[in-house]
Amino acid sequence: MNEFQIKQFISTLTETQKTQLLSILNQKKNSEPVSNFEETRFNSGLFCVKCGCTEKIVKKGLSTNRKQRYLCHNCSSLFTSTTDFFLSSTKKDISVWLKYIECMTRQLSIKKSSEICWISIRTSFMWRHNILDALRLLYKTKLKGVIESDEAYFRVSYKGHRKFENIDRRSRRCGSSMFDKRKRGLSKDQVCVPCAIERKTKSIISKIGGLGKPSIKTIENVFSNKFKEKFILCTDKEKSYIKFSKSSELEHIRLEDVTSKKQVYHIQTINSFHSRLKDFMRNFNGVSTKHLNNYLTYNSVISENSSRNTELFIIDKVLSQGLRNVGTTLYKDVCSRESIPTQ
C-alpha cells in the first residue's frame, strides 16, 4: 500500500475511527523503545564515553555501519553513540533484542529463547547475562513505611566453574546422590539471602548476604542505605535484626511467633514472596550461586510489574538508561566470577 492509498483509506474513516486509529498508533509508538541511540545517549549534550569530557569534541566521519563518529581532543578517543555499551558489538537487529526481552518476561529457558530468536545457545546465555547485569546495576530502590524482612536460603551451586578450581566438596550429580550428604539445619552449604518488601508498594530488596546463619554483618551488607526515614521493620525472632535495628536507630517490631501483633504487624507478605521466589527459581533448573544476584533482581522486576509492564521496564532500563553507564559483559568475565558474590 503506497502513500496515496493510505490517504485514500484514511479519508473513508469516520471521526471516531480516526481517533481510535490515532490512539492505537500513539500507544504503539510509546510502547516501542527509542531506536535512535544517539538521541537517547546524548540528549543532555555530547560527552566523551572514555574520559567524560564535554568539550573539545568534533564529528569525525561515519563508522563502518554508518553511525556518526566523534573525536575527543582531550583523550584522542574515537567513539559512537553505542561505544562501551553492550549493543556496540552486536550483529543482530534491535528487533531481535526486543523479541529476546519478551522471552525473558515470559520466563523462558535459554534454549527455548535461542530457538525463538534464531540465535545460538551461547549467544542466548550471554544476552541474558548482559541484560541481567544491566538490570542489577540500574535497579535501585529504597523502602519506606511498614517493611517486612526475612531470609531465604538456597543451596550453594558451583555450576559453571572450571574443574581445576578448589572446591571443598564433590560434585552433585542430578540431584541427591550417595555423595550428597546434607548437613542438618543452617550450614555453610546454604546461601543466605536476606529479603525485604514494602507492604504498600510491594517494592523488593533481595541480595546474597553470606553463607549459613545470618549475622549483623550479613544484614548490613544487604540493607545498608536501603531504607528511607520513618519506617517500621517487622521481622521474626532472628537476633541479628535486634543488633541491626539498634545500630541503625530504627523502629523494630520483633514477632515471637507467626501470629500478628496488634493485628497490623506480621510477616505474611514476605513469606508469600519467598514462596513465589522459590517457584521462580525452579523454572531455571538450578541457578549457579555466582549468578544468583542477577536472578534475584530478575525476580524482583517480574514481581513488581505485570507481564507487559515488565517488558517496558526492562526496555527502558536496559536500552535507554543503560546507554550511559552499562558496558558489555564478556564471556570470560562471566566464567571468572566469584563462586560466592561479595557485592
Protein backbone atom coordinates (compact mmCIF):
# COMPACT_ATOMS: atom_id res chain seq x y z
CA MET A 1 0.00 0.00 0.00
CA ASN A 2 1.54 3.30 -1.12
CA GLU A 3 1.09 6.77 0.40
CA PHE A 4 -1.84 7.69 -1.88
CA GLN A 5 -3.74 4.51 -1.00
CA ILE A 6 -3.14 5.11 2.73
CA LYS A 7 -4.52 8.66 2.47
CA GLN A 8 -7.49 7.41 0.49
CA PHE A 9 -8.20 4.77 3.11
CA ILE A 10 -7.97 7.28 5.97
CA SER A 11 -10.39 9.64 4.18
CA THR A 12 -13.05 6.89 4.26
CA LEU A 13 -12.88 6.63 8.07
CA THR A 14 -15.29 8.40 10.39
CA GLU A 15 -14.06 10.86 13.03
CA THR A 16 -14.46 8.22 15.73
CA GLN A 17 -12.46 5.67 13.73
CA LYS A 18 -9.72 8.24 13.06
CA THR A 19 -9.50 8.97 16.79
CA GLN A 20 -9.24 5.25 17.55
CA LEU A 21 -6.55 4.79 14.89
CA LEU A 22 -4.54 7.72 16.26
CA SER A 23 -4.83 6.30 19.78
CA ILE A 24 -3.56 2.90 18.62
CA LEU A 25 -0.62 4.46 16.77
CA ASN A 26 0.33 6.60 19.78
CA GLN A 27 0.13 3.57 22.06
CA LYS A 28 2.34 1.59 19.68
CA LYS A 29 4.81 4.46 19.50
CA ASN A 30 5.04 4.79 23.28
CA SER A 31 5.49 1.05 23.75
CA GLU A 32 8.49 0.87 21.43
CA PRO A 33 11.94 1.77 22.69
CA VAL A 34 13.95 4.65 21.36
CA SER A 35 15.85 3.15 18.47
CA ASN A 36 17.91 6.31 17.91
CA PHE A 37 20.62 5.67 20.48
CA GLU A 38 22.42 8.90 19.66
CA GLU A 39 19.35 10.92 20.60
CA THR A 40 18.94 8.93 23.83
CA ARG A 41 22.54 8.89 24.96
CA PHE A 42 23.45 12.44 24.09
CA ASN A 43 20.10 14.12 24.83
CA SER A 44 21.76 16.28 27.51
CA GLY A 45 24.77 17.12 25.35
CA LEU A 46 27.78 15.39 23.85
CA PHE A 47 30.31 13.81 26.19
CA CYS A 48 33.28 11.51 25.71
CA VAL A 49 32.41 7.96 26.73
CA LYS A 50 36.08 7.34 27.63
CA CYS A 51 37.10 10.36 29.75
CA GLY A 52 33.75 12.13 30.28
CA CYS A 53 34.91 15.38 28.71
CA THR A 54 32.06 17.58 27.42
CA GLU A 55 34.25 19.97 25.41
CA LYS A 56 36.71 19.60 22.55
CA ILE A 57 34.52 17.01 20.78
CA VAL A 58 34.11 17.15 17.00
CA LYS A 59 32.49 14.97 14.37
CA LYS A 60 34.84 12.53 12.64
CA GLY A 61 33.03 10.91 9.72
CA LEU A 62 30.96 7.74 9.86
CA SER A 63 31.70 4.28 11.19
CA THR A 64 31.52 1.12 9.04
CA ASN A 65 27.84 0.64 9.98
CA ARG A 66 27.04 4.27 9.01
CA LYS A 67 26.86 5.70 12.55
CA GLN A 68 28.12 9.18 13.36
CA ARG A 69 31.64 9.02 14.80
CA TYR A 70 33.15 11.58 17.19
CA LEU A 71 36.71 12.53 18.16
CA CYS A 72 37.63 13.74 21.65
CA HIS A 73 40.66 16.06 21.54
CA ASN A 74 41.12 15.67 25.30
CA CYS A 75 41.98 11.93 25.22
CA SER A 76 42.19 11.39 21.44
CA SER A 77 39.46 8.72 21.55
CA LEU A 78 37.09 7.86 18.74
CA PHE A 79 33.58 6.83 19.76
CA THR A 80 30.00 6.46 18.54
CA SER A 81 26.62 6.52 20.29
CA THR A 82 26.93 2.83 21.24
CA THR A 83 30.62 2.66 22.23
CA ASP A 84 31.15 0.80 25.54
CA PHE A 85 27.51 -0.28 25.52
CA PHE A 86 26.61 -3.95 25.28
CA LEU A 87 24.86 -3.38 21.94
CA SER A 88 28.05 -1.93 20.44
CA SER A 89 29.33 -5.31 19.21
CA THR A 90 26.03 -6.98 18.41
CA LYS A 91 25.42 -8.25 14.88
CA LYS A 92 21.68 -8.61 15.36
CA ASP A 93 18.98 -6.04 14.75
CA ILE A 94 17.32 -4.27 17.69
CA SER A 95 14.08 -6.16 16.89
CA VAL A 96 15.79 -9.44 17.81
CA TRP A 97 16.80 -7.98 21.19
CA LEU A 98 13.21 -6.89 21.78
CA LYS A 99 11.99 -10.38 20.96
CA TYR A 100 14.55 -11.79 23.42
CA ILE A 101 13.38 -9.41 26.16
CA GLU A 102 9.84 -10.65 25.52
CA CYS A 103 11.10 -14.21 26.03
CA MET A 104 12.64 -13.14 29.33
CA THR A 105 9.36 -11.64 30.55
CA ARG A 106 7.73 -15.00 29.75
CA GLN A 107 10.49 -16.68 31.83
CA LEU A 108 11.52 -18.98 29.00
CA SER A 109 14.69 -21.05 29.19
CA ILE A 110 17.91 -20.08 27.44
CA LYS A 111 17.46 -22.90 24.92
CA LYS A 112 13.85 -22.02 24.14
CA SER A 113 14.73 -18.32 23.77
CA SER A 114 17.55 -19.20 21.37
CA GLU A 115 15.13 -21.17 19.18
CA ILE A 116 12.61 -18.32 19.05
CA CYS A 117 15.21 -15.64 18.28
CA TRP A 118 17.27 -17.80 15.91
CA ILE A 119 20.50 -17.40 17.88
CA SER A 120 22.92 -19.92 19.38
CA ILE A 121 22.58 -21.15 22.96
CA ARG A 122 25.85 -19.47 23.91
CA THR A 123 24.62 -16.16 22.46
CA SER A 124 21.34 -16.58 24.32
CA PHE A 125 23.25 -17.18 27.55
CA MET A 126 25.38 -14.06 27.06
CA TRP A 127 22.41 -11.89 26.08
CA ARG A 128 20.58 -12.92 29.24
CA HIS A 129 23.52 -12.00 31.46
CA ASN A 130 24.16 -8.74 29.60
CA ILE A 131 20.55 -7.75 30.29
CA LEU A 132 20.58 -9.02 33.90
CA ASP A 133 23.88 -7.26 34.64
CA ALA A 134 22.39 -4.02 33.33
CA LEU A 135 19.23 -4.50 35.40
CA ARG A 136 21.24 -5.22 38.56
CA LEU A 137 23.25 -2.02 38.11
CA LEU A 138 20.26 0.16 37.23
CA TYR A 139 17.60 -1.31 39.54
CA LYS A 140 17.79 0.98 42.57
CA THR A 141 15.01 1.07 45.15
CA LYS A 142 14.54 2.27 48.70
CA LEU A 143 11.80 1.13 51.05
CA LYS A 144 9.66 3.08 53.48
CA GLY A 145 6.56 2.64 55.63
CA VAL A 146 5.89 -0.83 57.02
CA ILE A 147 8.63 -3.19 55.85
CA GLU A 148 8.74 -6.95 56.35
CA SER A 149 12.05 -8.80 56.33
CA ASP A 150 13.15 -12.42 56.46
CA GLU A 151 15.79 -14.69 54.94
CA ALA A 152 15.58 -17.20 52.10
CA TYR A 153 18.12 -19.99 51.68
CA PHE A 154 19.49 -21.66 48.56
CA ARG A 155 21.98 -24.46 48.31
CA VAL A 156 25.45 -23.47 47.16
CA SER A 157 25.88 -24.28 43.48
CA TYR A 158 29.24 -24.24 41.67
CA LYS A 159 27.64 -24.88 38.29
CA GLY A 160 29.68 -23.27 35.51
CA HIS A 161 33.01 -23.40 37.34
CA ARG A 162 36.15 -24.94 35.92
CA LYS A 163 37.32 -28.34 37.12
CA PHE A 164 40.66 -27.01 38.33
CA GLU A 165 39.02 -24.66 40.86
CA ASN A 166 39.45 -25.56 44.51
CA ILE A 167 36.02 -26.76 45.62
CA ASP A 168 35.76 -28.28 49.09
CA ARG A 169 33.18 -30.95 48.18
CA ARG A 170 32.41 -33.47 45.48
CA SER A 171 30.15 -32.53 42.60
CA ARG A 172 26.44 -33.27 42.85
CA ARG A 173 25.04 -35.40 40.06
CA CYS A 174 21.46 -34.62 39.03
CA GLY A 175 20.02 -34.16 42.49
CA SER A 176 20.73 -36.22 45.56
CA SER A 177 23.29 -39.00 45.48
CA MET A 178 25.40 -41.05 47.83
CA PHE A 179 27.99 -38.27 47.89
CA ASP A 180 25.40 -35.56 48.67
CA LYS A 181 25.29 -35.58 52.46
CA ARG A 182 23.27 -32.62 53.67
CA LYS A 183 24.09 -31.06 57.00
CA ARG A 184 21.24 -30.57 59.40
CA GLY A 185 19.84 -27.09 59.92
CA LEU A 186 21.56 -23.99 58.59
CA SER A 187 25.13 -24.59 57.47
CA LYS A 188 27.79 -23.10 55.21
CA ASP A 189 26.36 -25.24 52.38
CA GLN A 190 23.46 -22.81 52.11
CA VAL A 191 23.42 -19.25 50.78
CA CYS A 192 21.62 -16.73 52.97
CA VAL A 193 19.53 -14.19 51.02
CA PRO A 194 18.00 -11.50 53.28
CA CYS A 195 14.86 -10.09 51.68
CA ALA A 196 12.71 -7.09 52.49
CA ILE A 197 9.41 -5.99 50.99
CA GLU A 198 7.47 -2.77 51.37
CA ARG A 199 3.91 -3.67 52.22
CA LYS A 200 2.24 -0.80 50.34
CA THR A 201 4.09 -0.68 47.01
CA LYS A 202 5.45 -4.27 47.06
CA SER A 203 8.95 -2.97 46.26
CA ILE A 204 11.58 -5.62 46.97
CA ILE A 205 15.20 -5.80 48.10
CA SER A 206 16.94 -9.17 47.92
CA LYS A 207 20.64 -9.94 47.71
CA ILE A 208 23.17 -12.56 48.77
CA GLY A 209 24.38 -11.78 52.28
CA GLY A 210 26.68 -14.68 53.02
CA LEU A 211 26.71 -18.36 53.93
CA GLY A 212 24.82 -20.06 56.73
CA LYS A 213 23.03 -18.34 59.57
CA PRO A 214 22.72 -14.54 59.16
CA SER A 215 24.86 -12.20 61.22
CA ILE A 216 24.67 -8.44 61.70
CA LYS A 217 27.35 -8.09 59.02
CA THR A 218 25.15 -10.09 56.61
CA ILE A 219 22.14 -7.86 57.31
CA GLU A 220 24.14 -4.65 56.97
CA ASN A 221 25.70 -5.85 53.71
CA VAL A 222 22.23 -6.09 52.13
CA PHE A 223 20.14 -3.39 53.84
CA SER A 224 22.67 -0.62 54.44
CA ASN A 225 21.30 2.66 52.97
CA LYS A 226 18.30 0.83 51.51
CA PHE A 227 15.63 2.25 53.83
CA LYS A 228 14.16 5.73 53.88
CA GLU A 229 13.39 7.64 57.07
CA LYS A 230 10.32 6.89 59.20
CA PHE A 231 9.75 3.20 58.63
CA ILE A 232 8.86 0.19 60.74
CA LEU A 233 10.77 -3.08 60.32
CA CYS A 234 8.85 -6.29 61.04
CA THR A 235 10.91 -9.47 61.45
CA ASP A 236 10.82 -12.84 63.11
CA LYS A 237 12.84 -13.59 66.26
CA GLU A 238 16.22 -13.62 64.48
CA LYS A 239 18.66 -11.89 66.86
CA SER A 240 20.75 -10.23 64.14
CA TYR A 241 17.92 -7.80 63.40
CA ILE A 242 17.96 -6.59 67.01
CA LYS A 243 21.59 -5.50 66.70
CA PHE A 244 20.94 -4.04 63.24
CA SER A 245 17.93 -2.00 64.45
CA LYS A 246 19.89 -0.62 67.41
CA SER A 247 22.88 0.37 65.29
CA SER A 248 20.59 1.97 62.68
CA GLU A 249 18.27 3.56 65.29
CA LEU A 250 15.07 2.31 63.67
CA GLU A 251 11.72 1.10 64.99
CA HIS A 252 11.75 -2.67 65.13
CA ILE A 253 8.77 -4.98 65.65
CA ARG A 254 10.01 -8.46 66.58
CA LEU A 255 7.43 -11.23 66.27
CA GLU A 256 7.96 -14.16 68.60
CA ASP A 257 5.62 -16.39 66.56
CA VAL A 258 3.73 -16.33 63.27
CA THR A 259 0.69 -14.58 64.74
CA SER A 260 0.37 -10.84 64.15
CA LYS A 261 0.96 -8.19 66.78
CA LYS A 262 -1.78 -5.58 67.25
CA GLN A 263 -3.44 -7.08 64.10
CA VAL A 264 -1.15 -4.89 61.97
CA TYR A 265 2.41 -6.15 62.19
CA HIS A 266 3.14 -9.53 60.62
CA ILE A 267 5.47 -11.17 58.10
CA GLN A 268 2.89 -12.89 55.90
CA THR A 269 3.77 -10.75 52.88
CA ILE A 270 7.47 -11.66 52.92
CA ASN A 271 6.64 -15.33 53.48
CA SER A 272 4.37 -15.23 50.43
CA PHE A 273 7.15 -13.58 48.43
CA HIS A 274 9.59 -16.35 49.43
CA SER A 275 7.13 -18.96 48.16
CA ARG A 276 6.91 -17.20 44.77
CA LEU A 277 10.69 -16.74 44.70
CA LYS A 278 11.28 -20.49 45.14
CA ASP A 279 8.78 -21.26 42.35
CA PHE A 280 10.53 -18.72 40.11
CA MET A 281 13.96 -20.28 40.68
CA ARG A 282 12.66 -23.78 39.90
CA ASN A 283 11.96 -22.66 36.32
CA PHE A 284 15.72 -22.45 35.67
CA ASN A 285 16.70 -25.90 36.99
CA GLY A 286 19.37 -24.75 39.42
CA VAL A 287 20.89 -21.28 39.27
CA SER A 288 24.62 -21.04 39.88
CA THR A 289 25.43 -19.11 43.06
CA LYS A 290 27.66 -16.69 41.17
CA HIS A 291 24.63 -15.63 39.06
CA LEU A 292 22.10 -15.66 41.92
CA ASN A 293 22.11 -11.88 42.50
CA ASN A 294 21.20 -11.33 38.84
CA TYR A 295 18.26 -13.72 39.08
CA LEU A 296 17.11 -12.12 42.35
CA THR A 297 16.90 -8.77 40.55
CA TYR A 298 15.19 -10.54 37.62
CA ASN A 299 12.55 -11.90 40.02
CA SER A 300 12.07 -8.51 41.70
CA VAL A 301 11.35 -6.85 38.35
CA ILE A 302 8.91 -9.63 37.37
CA SER A 303 7.15 -9.46 40.78
CA GLU A 304 6.71 -5.69 40.79
CA ASN A 305 5.32 -5.43 37.26
CA SER A 306 2.77 -7.15 35.11
CA SER A 307 3.94 -9.02 32.01
CA ARG A 308 3.65 -6.04 29.64
CA ASN A 309 4.93 -3.52 32.18
CA THR A 310 7.91 -5.78 32.88
CA GLU A 311 8.87 -5.75 29.20
CA LEU A 312 8.59 -1.95 29.03
CA PHE A 313 10.54 -1.61 32.30
CA ILE A 314 13.40 -3.76 31.01
CA ILE A 315 13.44 -1.90 27.68
CA ASP A 316 13.52 1.47 29.42
CA LYS A 317 16.21 0.47 31.92
CA VAL A 318 18.44 -1.52 29.58
CA LEU A 319 18.06 0.15 26.19
CA SER A 320 17.59 3.75 27.36
CA GLN A 321 19.08 4.36 30.81
CA GLY A 322 21.76 1.72 30.29
CA LEU A 323 23.33 3.64 27.43
CA ARG A 324 25.17 5.98 29.76
CA ASN A 325 26.76 3.64 32.31
CA VAL A 326 26.39 -0.03 31.31
CA GLY A 327 29.14 -1.75 29.37
CA THR A 328 29.47 -5.10 27.65
CA THR A 329 29.67 -8.28 29.71
CA LEU A 330 32.27 -10.57 28.15
CA TYR A 331 32.15 -14.36 28.23
CA LYS A 332 35.48 -14.54 30.09
CA ASP A 333 34.09 -12.17 32.75
CA VAL A 334 31.07 -14.41 33.31
CA CYS A 335 33.25 -17.51 33.63
CA SER A 336 35.69 -15.88 36.07
CA ARG A 337 33.12 -14.53 38.52
CA GLU A 338 33.44 -15.32 42.21
CA SER A 339 31.70 -18.51 43.27
CA ILE A 340 30.11 -16.64 46.21
CA PRO A 341 29.48 -12.96 45.29
CA THR A 342 30.60 -10.46 47.90
CA GLN A 343 28.99 -7.37 46.36
